[in-house]
Amino acid sequence: MALAIATGVLAGLIAPEALASLATLEVSRINLPIAVLIWFMILPMMMQIEWSAVRSVGRQPKGLMLTLLINWLIKPFSMLAVGIFFFEYVFVDWVEPASAESYLAGMILLGVAPCTAMVFVWSQLVRGDPNYTLVQVTINDLILIVAFAPIAGLLLGISDIPVPWDTLALSTLLYVVLPLLAGMGLRRWLLQHGEQRLNATIASMRPLSIGSLLITVTLLFGFQAKTMIDAPEVVVIIAIPLLVQTYGIFFLAWFLAARLSLPPTIAGPACLIGTSNFFELAVAVAIALFGLHSGAALATVVGVLVEVPVMLSLVWWVNRFQTRRASTVSRTS
């Protein structure tokens, strides 16, 4: 990931004309290269959605309740509150009002997009229950279909940011609904040839998915390279509220998980799912709504820059806590 970021910035400085030509490949304000890459990224994940897993959610509802509470009732609104606090009060003398509004829009889109594909990585790193993680992701994706556009529009409206509803609806259709339907269709067709065929196909697509993610990150940082080099302080100004939001929402989720007495295999993934963002969706929608070189798009790209090291630090913290807890239990037993 770090190499992709560095490559993107370098490419943006060395070959800005080539990246500018890619930036102009749009249809209805949807950037086609980014759209194709995002499809390659998320399609394998959508193919893993298993309806039978959804039906079993009632066996351990507390973990799912925590994830849904954080993702849909707390996180989008806390992101708005944190953004307003920093850009309208703390940084008011350093950021122009128009820029502050644009950065806030990008933060809102990050807050309304709960993580999907990377969830499986975080869950695996904290030794989470893979089947329960699949349930959490599945339910989140189903809610995402109907809730992303209304909540994003509501919060952007509260912030007095103009909302092009047609573009927001098109983005939701393109990046959420259609990939989900395509994944479900492919899953059903492959299962006709056996579960082994499905698993083999998903496994064969993972390198393409990871490659698409790295190329997307390279392009995004290439598009924003000039801004990042010319005004690095802007990156810092955007990163600070994102750091406060990310760590704050995680430790709130961790506190609630402890109150609910969730087992470690569910508590860790549930807290990380509620903390991480579906930054691919947020970036794509920010580009569609506000433009490739907008402050909103820059804020979502900074979200990528912030999220990976922060999530890895939280993975380390969860594992360290669980190790200490297990050691304490073994000494007292």
Protein backbone atom coordinates (compact mmCIF):
# COMPACT_ATOMS: atom_id res chain seq x y z
CA MET A 1 0.00 0.00 0.00
CA ALA A 2 2.80 2.42 0.91
CA LEU A 3 4.53 1.64 -2.39
CA ALA A 4 1.27 2.29 -4.30
CA ILE A 5 0.89 5.66 -2.56
CA ALA A 6 4.49 6.66 -3.30
CA THR A 7 4.16 5.49 -6.92
CA GLY A 8 0.96 7.49 -7.35
CA VAL A 9 2.47 10.70 -6.02
CA LEU A 10 5.58 10.22 -8.17
CA ALA A 11 3.48 9.52 -11.27
CA GLY A 12 1.39 12.61 -10.58
CA LEU A 13 4.53 14.74 -10.55
CA ILE A 14 6.31 13.11 -13.50
CA ALA A 15 3.38 12.46 -15.86
CA PRO A 16 0.52 14.80 -14.91
CA GLU A 17 -0.73 14.92 -18.53
CA ALA A 18 -1.26 11.15 -18.67
CA LEU A 19 -3.19 11.17 -15.40
CA ALA A 20 -5.18 14.18 -16.56
CA SER A 21 -6.28 12.23 -19.64
CA LEU A 22 -7.49 9.38 -17.40
CA ALA A 23 -9.34 11.89 -15.28
CA THR A 24 -11.36 13.05 -18.30
CA LEU A 25 -12.73 9.55 -19.03
CA GLU A 26 -16.15 10.17 -17.49
CA VAL A 27 -19.78 9.31 -18.16
CA SER A 28 -22.39 11.26 -16.16
CA ARG A 29 -19.58 12.45 -13.85
CA ILE A 30 -18.58 8.82 -13.13
CA ASN A 31 -14.86 8.28 -13.70
CA LEU A 32 -14.66 5.10 -15.79
CA PRO A 33 -11.17 3.82 -14.78
CA ILE A 34 -12.02 4.18 -11.09
CA ALA A 35 -15.45 2.59 -11.63
CA VAL A 36 -13.97 -0.48 -13.37
CA LEU A 37 -11.27 -0.91 -10.73
CA ILE A 38 -13.77 -0.65 -7.89
CA TRP A 39 -15.93 -3.32 -9.51
CA PHE A 40 -12.93 -5.66 -9.68
CA MET A 41 -12.19 -4.89 -6.03
CA ILE A 42 -15.58 -5.56 -4.53
CA LEU A 43 -17.08 -8.24 -6.79
CA PRO A 44 -15.23 -11.18 -5.10
CA MET A 45 -16.46 -9.92 -1.72
CA MET A 46 -20.05 -9.67 -2.98
CA MET A 47 -19.79 -13.27 -4.22
CA GLN A 48 -19.12 -14.41 -0.64
CA ILE A 49 -22.48 -13.21 0.66
CA GLU A 50 -24.37 -16.24 1.88
CA TRP A 51 -28.08 -15.93 2.59
CA SER A 52 -28.11 -18.97 4.86
CA ALA A 53 -25.65 -17.11 7.12
CA VAL A 54 -28.07 -14.19 7.38
CA ARG A 55 -30.81 -16.52 8.61
CA SER A 56 -28.58 -17.71 11.47
CA VAL A 57 -27.95 -14.24 12.86
CA GLY A 58 -30.42 -14.72 15.71
CA ARG A 59 -28.07 -17.15 17.44
CA GLN A 60 -25.70 -14.35 18.54
CA PRO A 61 -27.47 -11.04 17.98
CA LYS A 62 -25.39 -8.83 20.29
CA GLY A 63 -22.37 -8.60 17.99
CA LEU A 64 -24.53 -7.66 15.04
CA MET A 65 -26.45 -5.14 17.14
CA LEU A 66 -23.17 -3.47 18.07
CA THR A 67 -22.00 -3.31 14.46
CA LEU A 68 -25.29 -1.84 13.22
CA LEU A 69 -25.48 0.64 16.11
CA ILE A 70 -21.99 1.97 15.41
CA ASN A 71 -22.20 1.92 11.59
CA TRP A 72 -25.64 3.42 11.09
CA LEU A 73 -26.75 5.27 14.23
CA ILE A 74 -23.50 6.70 15.61
CA LYS A 75 -20.61 6.81 13.15
CA PRO A 76 -22.13 8.95 10.32
CA PHE A 77 -23.32 11.57 12.83
CA SER A 78 -20.14 11.55 14.91
CA MET A 79 -18.14 12.06 11.69
CA LEU A 80 -20.31 15.10 10.89
CA ALA A 81 -19.89 16.45 14.44
CA VAL A 82 -16.11 15.96 14.44
CA GLY A 83 -15.81 17.55 10.99
CA ILE A 84 -17.88 20.59 11.98
CA PHE A 85 -15.93 21.00 15.22
CA PHE A 86 -12.55 21.05 13.44
CA PHE A 87 -13.38 22.86 10.20
CA GLU A 88 -15.78 25.45 11.59
CA TYR A 89 -14.04 26.11 14.90
CA VAL A 90 -10.52 24.70 15.37
CA PHE A 91 -9.23 25.31 11.82
CA VAL A 92 -11.49 28.25 10.95
CA ASP A 93 -8.53 30.64 10.64
CA TRP A 94 -6.49 28.27 8.45
CA VAL A 95 -9.07 26.92 5.99
CA GLU A 96 -11.25 28.92 3.62
CA PRO A 97 -15.00 28.32 4.10
CA ALA A 98 -15.43 26.78 0.62
CA SER A 99 -12.53 24.39 1.18
CA ALA A 100 -13.75 23.52 4.67
CA GLU A 101 -17.18 22.68 3.24
CA SER A 102 -15.62 20.45 0.61
CA TYR A 103 -13.38 18.61 3.12
CA LEU A 104 -16.39 18.10 5.39
CA ALA A 105 -18.32 16.58 2.49
CA GLY A 106 -15.56 14.02 1.95
CA MET A 107 -15.54 13.14 5.64
CA ILE A 108 -19.31 12.65 5.60
CA LEU A 109 -19.06 10.24 2.67
CA LEU A 110 -16.40 8.26 4.54
CA GLY A 111 -18.57 8.13 7.64
CA VAL A 112 -21.62 6.84 5.77
CA ALA A 113 -19.71 4.06 3.98
CA PRO A 114 -19.09 1.12 6.36
CA CYS A 115 -16.23 -1.18 5.50
CA THR A 116 -16.79 -4.33 3.42
CA ALA A 117 -13.89 -6.03 1.65
CA MET A 118 -11.12 -5.11 4.12
CA VAL A 119 -13.25 -6.39 7.00
CA PHE A 120 -12.21 -9.95 6.24
CA VAL A 121 -8.56 -8.95 6.50
CA TRP A 122 -9.02 -7.22 9.88
CA SER A 123 -11.10 -10.13 11.18
CA GLN A 124 -8.48 -12.65 10.18
CA LEU A 125 -5.69 -10.62 11.80
CA VAL A 126 -7.51 -10.61 15.18
CA ARG A 127 -8.53 -14.27 14.87
CA GLY A 128 -12.19 -13.42 14.55
CA ASP A 129 -15.03 -15.80 13.76
CA PRO A 130 -15.05 -15.84 9.91
CA ASN A 131 -18.67 -17.00 9.64
CA TYR A 132 -19.92 -14.30 11.96
CA THR A 133 -17.84 -11.70 10.13
CA LEU A 134 -19.54 -12.82 6.92
CA VAL A 135 -22.95 -12.30 8.57
CA GLN A 136 -21.98 -8.79 9.70
CA VAL A 137 -20.72 -7.83 6.25
CA THR A 138 -23.79 -9.28 4.55
CA ILE A 139 -26.25 -7.36 6.73
CA ASN A 140 -24.22 -4.16 6.33
CA ASP A 141 -24.25 -4.49 2.55
CA LEU A 142 -27.99 -5.03 2.46
CA ILE A 143 -28.55 -1.93 4.59
CA LEU A 144 -26.04 0.00 2.48
CA ILE A 145 -28.29 -0.44 -0.55
CA VAL A 146 -31.16 1.51 0.99
CA ALA A 147 -29.43 3.70 3.59
CA PHE A 148 -26.29 5.11 1.96
CA ALA A 149 -27.90 7.69 -0.33
CA PRO A 150 -30.55 8.97 2.15
CA ILE A 151 -28.12 9.32 5.08
CA ALA A 152 -25.40 10.89 2.90
CA GLY A 153 -27.94 13.31 1.45
CA LEU A 154 -29.32 14.14 4.91
CA LEU A 155 -25.92 14.88 6.42
CA LEU A 156 -24.71 16.84 3.41
CA GLY A 157 -27.94 18.83 3.58
CA ILE A 158 -27.50 19.52 7.28
CA SER A 159 -24.07 20.89 6.41
CA ASP A 160 -25.62 23.13 3.70
CA ILE A 161 -23.64 21.27 1.04
CA PRO A 162 -25.52 21.05 -2.30
CA VAL A 163 -26.57 17.47 -3.02
CA PRO A 164 -26.90 16.34 -6.67
CA TRP A 165 -29.39 13.60 -5.85
CA ASP A 166 -29.36 12.07 -9.34
CA THR A 167 -25.58 11.55 -9.20
CA LEU A 168 -25.77 10.22 -5.63
CA ALA A 169 -28.47 7.73 -6.64
CA LEU A 170 -26.51 6.69 -9.74
CA SER A 171 -23.36 6.17 -7.66
CA THR A 172 -25.25 4.01 -5.16
CA LEU A 173 -26.69 1.95 -8.00
CA LEU A 174 -23.32 1.57 -9.74
CA TYR A 175 -21.12 0.85 -6.72
CA VAL A 176 -23.50 -0.96 -4.36
CA VAL A 177 -26.65 -2.37 -5.95
CA LEU A 178 -25.27 -3.67 -9.24
CA PRO A 179 -22.11 -5.29 -7.77
CA LEU A 180 -24.26 -6.97 -5.12
CA LEU A 181 -26.69 -8.34 -7.72
CA ALA A 182 -23.81 -9.44 -9.96
CA GLY A 183 -22.09 -11.16 -7.05
CA MET A 184 -25.27 -12.95 -6.03
CA GLY A 185 -25.90 -14.07 -9.62
CA LEU A 186 -22.35 -15.36 -10.09
CA ARG A 187 -22.46 -17.13 -6.75
CA ARG A 188 -25.71 -18.89 -7.63
CA TRP A 189 -24.42 -19.93 -11.07
CA LEU A 190 -21.10 -21.23 -9.69
CA LEU A 191 -22.83 -23.18 -6.91
CA GLN A 192 -24.64 -25.14 -9.60
CA HIS A 193 -21.21 -26.60 -10.36
CA GLY A 194 -20.40 -27.24 -6.70
CA GLU A 195 -19.13 -25.24 -3.74
CA GLN A 196 -15.56 -26.14 -4.62
CA ARG A 197 -15.97 -24.35 -7.96
CA LEU A 198 -17.26 -21.25 -6.16
CA ASN A 199 -14.39 -21.19 -3.66
CA ALA A 200 -11.81 -21.76 -6.40
CA THR A 201 -13.24 -18.91 -8.49
CA ILE A 202 -13.27 -16.48 -5.55
CA ALA A 203 -9.69 -17.48 -4.68
CA SER A 204 -8.56 -16.94 -8.28
CA MET A 205 -10.14 -13.47 -8.29
CA ARG A 206 -8.45 -12.26 -5.11
CA PRO A 207 -5.13 -11.31 -6.78
CA LEU A 208 -7.14 -9.26 -9.31
CA SER A 209 -9.04 -7.62 -6.45
CA ILE A 210 -5.87 -6.75 -4.56
CA GLY A 211 -4.19 -5.53 -7.74
CA SER A 212 -7.18 -3.32 -8.52
CA LEU A 213 -7.03 -1.87 -5.01
CA LEU A 214 -3.35 -0.99 -5.41
CA ILE A 215 -3.87 0.52 -8.87
CA THR A 216 -6.81 2.54 -7.54
CA VAL A 217 -4.71 3.89 -4.68
CA THR A 218 -1.93 4.72 -7.16
CA LEU A 219 -4.33 6.63 -9.42
CA LEU A 220 -6.02 8.47 -6.55
CA PHE A 221 -2.76 9.71 -5.11
CA GLY A 222 -1.55 10.51 -8.62
CA PHE A 223 -4.62 12.67 -9.23
CA GLN A 224 -4.03 14.53 -5.95
CA ALA A 225 -0.22 14.57 -6.06
CA LYS A 226 0.17 18.27 -6.88
CA THR A 227 -2.08 19.33 -4.00
CA MET A 228 -0.28 17.05 -1.55
CA ILE A 229 3.17 18.33 -2.56
CA ASP A 230 2.21 21.99 -2.87
CA ALA A 231 0.15 22.09 0.34
CA PRO A 232 1.09 19.20 2.66
CA GLU A 233 -0.43 21.11 5.56
CA VAL A 234 -3.85 20.49 4.01
CA VAL A 235 -3.28 16.74 4.29
CA VAL A 236 -2.41 17.16 7.99
CA ILE A 237 -5.46 19.36 8.60
CA ILE A 238 -7.76 16.72 7.07
CA ALA A 239 -5.97 13.81 8.77
CA ILE A 240 -6.36 15.18 12.32
CA PRO A 241 -10.18 15.00 12.53
CA LEU A 242 -10.12 11.64 10.74
CA LEU A 243 -7.71 10.29 13.37
CA VAL A 244 -9.88 11.62 16.20
CA GLN A 245 -13.00 10.08 14.65
CA THR A 246 -11.39 6.71 13.93
CA TYR A 247 -9.81 6.14 17.34
CA GLY A 248 -12.82 7.62 19.12
CA ILE A 249 -15.36 5.38 17.38
CA PHE A 250 -13.22 2.27 17.96
CA PHE A 251 -12.87 2.76 21.71
CA LEU A 252 -16.56 3.58 22.02
CA ALA A 253 -17.33 0.30 20.23
CA TRP A 254 -14.79 -1.52 22.44
CA PHE A 255 -16.44 -0.15 25.59
CA LEU A 256 -19.89 -1.24 24.37
CA ALA A 257 -18.53 -4.69 23.42
CA ALA A 258 -17.27 -5.10 26.98
CA ARG A 259 -20.64 -4.03 28.38
CA LEU A 260 -22.33 -6.60 26.14
CA SER A 261 -19.85 -9.30 27.24
CA LEU A 262 -19.06 -10.25 23.65
CA PRO A 263 -16.58 -13.12 23.17
CA PRO A 264 -13.19 -12.11 21.71
CA THR A 265 -13.85 -13.77 18.34
CA ILE A 266 -16.85 -11.48 17.84
CA ALA A 267 -15.85 -8.36 19.80
CA GLY A 268 -12.63 -7.72 17.85
CA PRO A 269 -14.13 -7.91 14.34
CA ALA A 270 -17.30 -6.06 15.42
CA CYS A 271 -15.27 -3.09 16.70
CA LEU A 272 -12.98 -3.04 13.67
CA ILE A 273 -15.91 -3.28 11.24
CA GLY A 274 -17.52 -0.30 12.94
CA THR A 275 -14.27 1.66 12.75
CA SER A 276 -13.12 0.97 9.18
CA ASN A 277 -14.57 2.66 6.09
CA PHE A 278 -15.59 1.51 2.62
CA PHE A 279 -13.19 4.11 1.24
CA GLU A 280 -13.48 2.79 -2.32
CA LEU A 281 -17.17 3.74 -2.34
CA ALA A 282 -16.55 7.07 -0.60
CA VAL A 283 -13.82 8.01 -3.08
CA ALA A 284 -15.93 7.04 -6.10
CA VAL A 285 -19.00 8.95 -4.89
CA ALA A 286 -16.92 12.01 -3.93
CA ILE A 287 -15.43 12.09 -7.43
CA ALA A 288 -18.88 11.70 -9.00
CA LEU A 289 -20.55 14.33 -6.81
CA PHE A 290 -17.86 16.98 -6.52
CA GLY A 291 -15.18 16.25 -9.11
CA LEU A 292 -11.86 14.46 -9.28
CA HIS A 293 -9.81 17.39 -8.00
CA SER A 294 -12.28 18.58 -5.35
CA GLY A 295 -11.57 18.95 -1.67
CA ALA A 296 -14.12 16.20 -1.01
CA ALA A 297 -12.19 13.77 -3.19
CA LEU A 298 -8.96 14.81 -1.47
CA ALA A 299 -10.49 14.17 1.96
CA THR A 300 -11.50 10.64 0.97
CA VAL A 301 -8.01 10.00 -0.40
CA VAL A 302 -6.51 11.21 2.89
CA GLY A 303 -8.93 8.76 4.48
CA VAL A 304 -7.10 5.98 2.63
CA LEU A 305 -3.77 7.36 3.83
CA VAL A 306 -4.97 7.43 7.44
CA GLU A 307 -7.01 4.25 7.59
CA VAL A 308 -4.47 1.53 6.84
CA PRO A 309 -1.85 2.42 9.50
CA VAL A 310 -4.57 3.29 12.03
CA MET A 311 -6.40 -0.01 11.51
CA LEU A 312 -3.14 -1.94 11.79
CA SER A 313 -2.44 -0.16 15.10
CA LEU A 314 -5.91 -1.14 16.34
CA VAL A 315 -5.37 -4.74 15.23
CA TRP A 316 -2.16 -4.72 17.29
CA TRP A 317 -4.04 -3.27 20.27
CA VAL A 318 -6.83 -5.89 20.07
CA ASN A 319 -4.34 -8.77 19.85
CA ARG A 320 -2.25 -7.37 22.69
CA PHE A 321 -5.32 -6.94 24.87
CA GLN A 322 -6.54 -10.45 24.13
CA THR A 323 -3.09 -11.90 24.87
CA ARG A 324 -2.94 -10.09 28.21
CA ARG A 325 -6.47 -11.20 29.03
CA ALA A 326 -5.69 -14.83 28.24
CA SER A 327 -2.52 -14.63 30.34
CA THR A 328 -4.44 -13.19 33.28
CA VAL A 329 -7.12 -15.88 33.05
CA SER A 330 -4.50 -18.65 32.92
CA ARG A 331 -2.74 -17.28 36.04
CA THR A 332 -5.95 -17.02 38.08
CA SER A 333 -7.31 -20.45 37.07
